[in-house]
């Protein structure tokens, strides 16, 4: 979520496949998606 590519982050815990990292941390990605949706909605509403 900090802008680091998933494949780079996957290497830190030793995940051979970035898909493993995405599955393990899916809850974080969903939380970020909700926040992004709120920001987008506010931006559209302010136009």
N, C-alpha and C. Protein backbone atom coordinates (compact mmCIF):
# COMPACT_ATOMS: atom_id res chain seq x y z
N UNK A 1 0.82 -1.19 0.00
CA UNK A 1 0.00 0.00 0.00
C UNK A 1 0.86 1.26 0.00
N UNK A 2 2.15 1.07 0.22
CA UNK A 2 3.05 2.22 0.27
C UNK A 2 3.70 2.51 -1.08
N UNK A 3 3.22 1.81 -2.12
CA UNK A 3 3.76 2.05 -3.44
C UNK A 3 4.85 1.07 -3.85
N UNK A 4 5.15 0.12 -3.01
CA UNK A 4 6.16 -0.89 -3.33
C UNK A 4 5.49 -1.99 -4.16
N UNK A 5 6.10 -2.41 -5.25
CA UNK A 5 5.49 -3.47 -6.06
C UNK A 5 5.30 -4.76 -5.27
N UNK A 6 4.23 -5.47 -5.57
CA UNK A 6 3.90 -6.69 -4.82
C UNK A 6 5.02 -7.72 -4.92
N UNK A 7 5.63 -7.86 -6.09
CA UNK A 7 6.68 -8.88 -6.22
C UNK A 7 7.89 -8.57 -5.33
N UNK A 8 8.15 -7.29 -5.10
CA UNK A 8 9.24 -6.91 -4.20
C UNK A 8 8.88 -7.24 -2.75
N UNK A 9 7.64 -6.92 -2.38
CA UNK A 9 7.18 -7.23 -1.02
C UNK A 9 7.13 -8.74 -0.79
N UNK A 10 6.75 -9.50 -1.80
CA UNK A 10 6.65 -10.96 -1.66
C UNK A 10 8.00 -11.59 -1.34
N UNK A 11 9.05 -11.00 -1.84
CA UNK A 11 10.38 -11.56 -1.60
C UNK A 11 10.81 -11.44 -0.15
N UNK A 12 10.34 -10.42 0.56
CA UNK A 12 10.75 -10.21 1.96
C UNK A 12 10.40 -11.39 2.86
N UNK A 13 9.13 -11.87 2.85
CA UNK A 13 8.81 -13.02 3.70
C UNK A 13 9.15 -14.35 3.04
N UNK A 14 9.71 -14.31 1.82
CA UNK A 14 10.12 -15.54 1.15
C UNK A 14 9.03 -16.18 0.32
N UNK A 15 8.00 -15.43 -0.04
CA UNK A 15 6.95 -15.98 -0.88
C UNK A 15 7.47 -16.13 -2.30
N UNK A 16 7.39 -17.34 -2.84
CA UNK A 16 7.87 -17.59 -4.19
C UNK A 16 6.97 -16.95 -5.24
N UNK A 17 5.71 -16.77 -4.90
CA UNK A 17 4.72 -16.24 -5.84
C UNK A 17 4.01 -15.05 -5.19
N UNK A 18 3.98 -13.89 -5.84
CA UNK A 18 3.29 -12.74 -5.27
C UNK A 18 1.81 -13.01 -4.96
N UNK A 19 1.21 -13.99 -5.63
CA UNK A 19 -0.19 -14.33 -5.36
C UNK A 19 -0.37 -14.78 -3.91
N UNK A 20 0.64 -15.43 -3.36
CA UNK A 20 0.58 -15.85 -1.96
C UNK A 20 0.50 -14.62 -1.06
N UNK A 21 1.33 -13.66 -1.32
CA UNK A 21 1.33 -12.42 -0.54
C UNK A 21 -0.02 -11.72 -0.64
N UNK A 22 -0.58 -11.67 -1.83
CA UNK A 22 -1.88 -11.02 -2.02
C UNK A 22 -2.98 -11.75 -1.25
N UNK A 23 -2.92 -13.08 -1.22
CA UNK A 23 -3.92 -13.84 -0.46
C UNK A 23 -3.77 -13.61 1.03
N UNK A 24 -2.53 -13.62 1.52
CA UNK A 24 -2.28 -13.46 2.95
C UNK A 24 -2.72 -12.09 3.43
N UNK A 25 -2.48 -11.06 2.63
CA UNK A 25 -2.77 -9.70 3.04
C UNK A 25 -3.99 -9.12 2.35
N UNK A 26 -4.90 -9.96 1.89
CA UNK A 26 -6.09 -9.50 1.18
C UNK A 26 -6.94 -8.57 2.04
N UNK A 27 -6.98 -8.79 3.35
CA UNK A 27 -7.78 -7.94 4.23
C UNK A 27 -7.28 -6.50 4.19
N UNK A 28 -6.00 -6.31 4.08
CA UNK A 28 -5.43 -4.95 4.01
C UNK A 28 -5.82 -4.30 2.69
N UNK A 29 -5.77 -5.07 1.61
CA UNK A 29 -6.12 -4.54 0.30
C UNK A 29 -7.60 -4.14 0.27
N UNK A 30 -8.47 -4.95 0.86
CA UNK A 30 -9.90 -4.62 0.89
C UNK A 30 -10.14 -3.35 1.70
N UNK A 31 -9.44 -3.19 2.82
CA UNK A 31 -9.59 -1.97 3.62
C UNK A 31 -9.15 -0.75 2.82
N UNK A 32 -8.07 -0.88 2.11
CA UNK A 32 -7.57 0.23 1.30
C UNK A 32 -8.54 0.55 0.17
N UNK A 33 -9.16 -0.47 -0.41
CA UNK A 33 -10.13 -0.25 -1.48
C UNK A 33 -11.34 0.53 -0.96
N UNK A 34 -11.78 0.23 0.25
CA UNK A 34 -12.91 0.96 0.83
C UNK A 34 -12.54 2.42 1.04
N UNK A 35 -11.36 2.67 1.54
CA UNK A 35 -10.90 4.04 1.75
C UNK A 35 -10.80 4.77 0.42
N UNK A 36 -10.28 4.11 -0.59
CA UNK A 36 -10.16 4.71 -1.91
C UNK A 36 -11.53 5.06 -2.48
N UNK A 37 -12.50 4.18 -2.28
CA UNK A 37 -13.86 4.43 -2.76
C UNK A 37 -14.44 5.67 -2.09
N UNK A 38 -14.18 5.84 -0.81
CA UNK A 38 -14.69 7.02 -0.09
C UNK A 38 -14.06 8.30 -0.63
N UNK A 39 -12.76 8.27 -0.84
CA UNK A 39 -12.05 9.45 -1.36
C UNK A 39 -12.58 9.79 -2.76
N UNK A 40 -12.77 8.77 -3.59
CA UNK A 40 -13.28 8.99 -4.94
C UNK A 40 -14.68 9.59 -4.90
N UNK A 41 -15.52 9.06 -4.04
CA UNK A 41 -16.90 9.56 -3.91
C UNK A 41 -16.90 11.03 -3.49
N UNK A 42 -16.03 11.39 -2.57
CA UNK A 42 -15.95 12.78 -2.13
C UNK A 42 -15.46 13.69 -3.26
N UNK A 43 -14.50 13.19 -4.03
CA UNK A 43 -13.97 13.99 -5.13
C UNK A 43 -15.04 14.22 -6.20
N UNK A 44 -15.81 13.20 -6.49
CA UNK A 44 -16.86 13.33 -7.50
C UNK A 44 -17.97 14.25 -6.98
N UNK A 45 -18.31 14.15 -5.71
CA UNK A 45 -19.37 14.97 -5.14
C UNK A 45 -19.00 16.44 -5.09
N UNK A 46 -17.72 16.73 -5.00
CA UNK A 46 -17.29 18.11 -4.87
C UNK A 46 -17.20 18.84 -6.22
N UNK A 47 -17.46 18.14 -7.29
CA UNK A 47 -17.37 18.77 -8.64
C UNK A 47 -18.56 19.57 -8.92
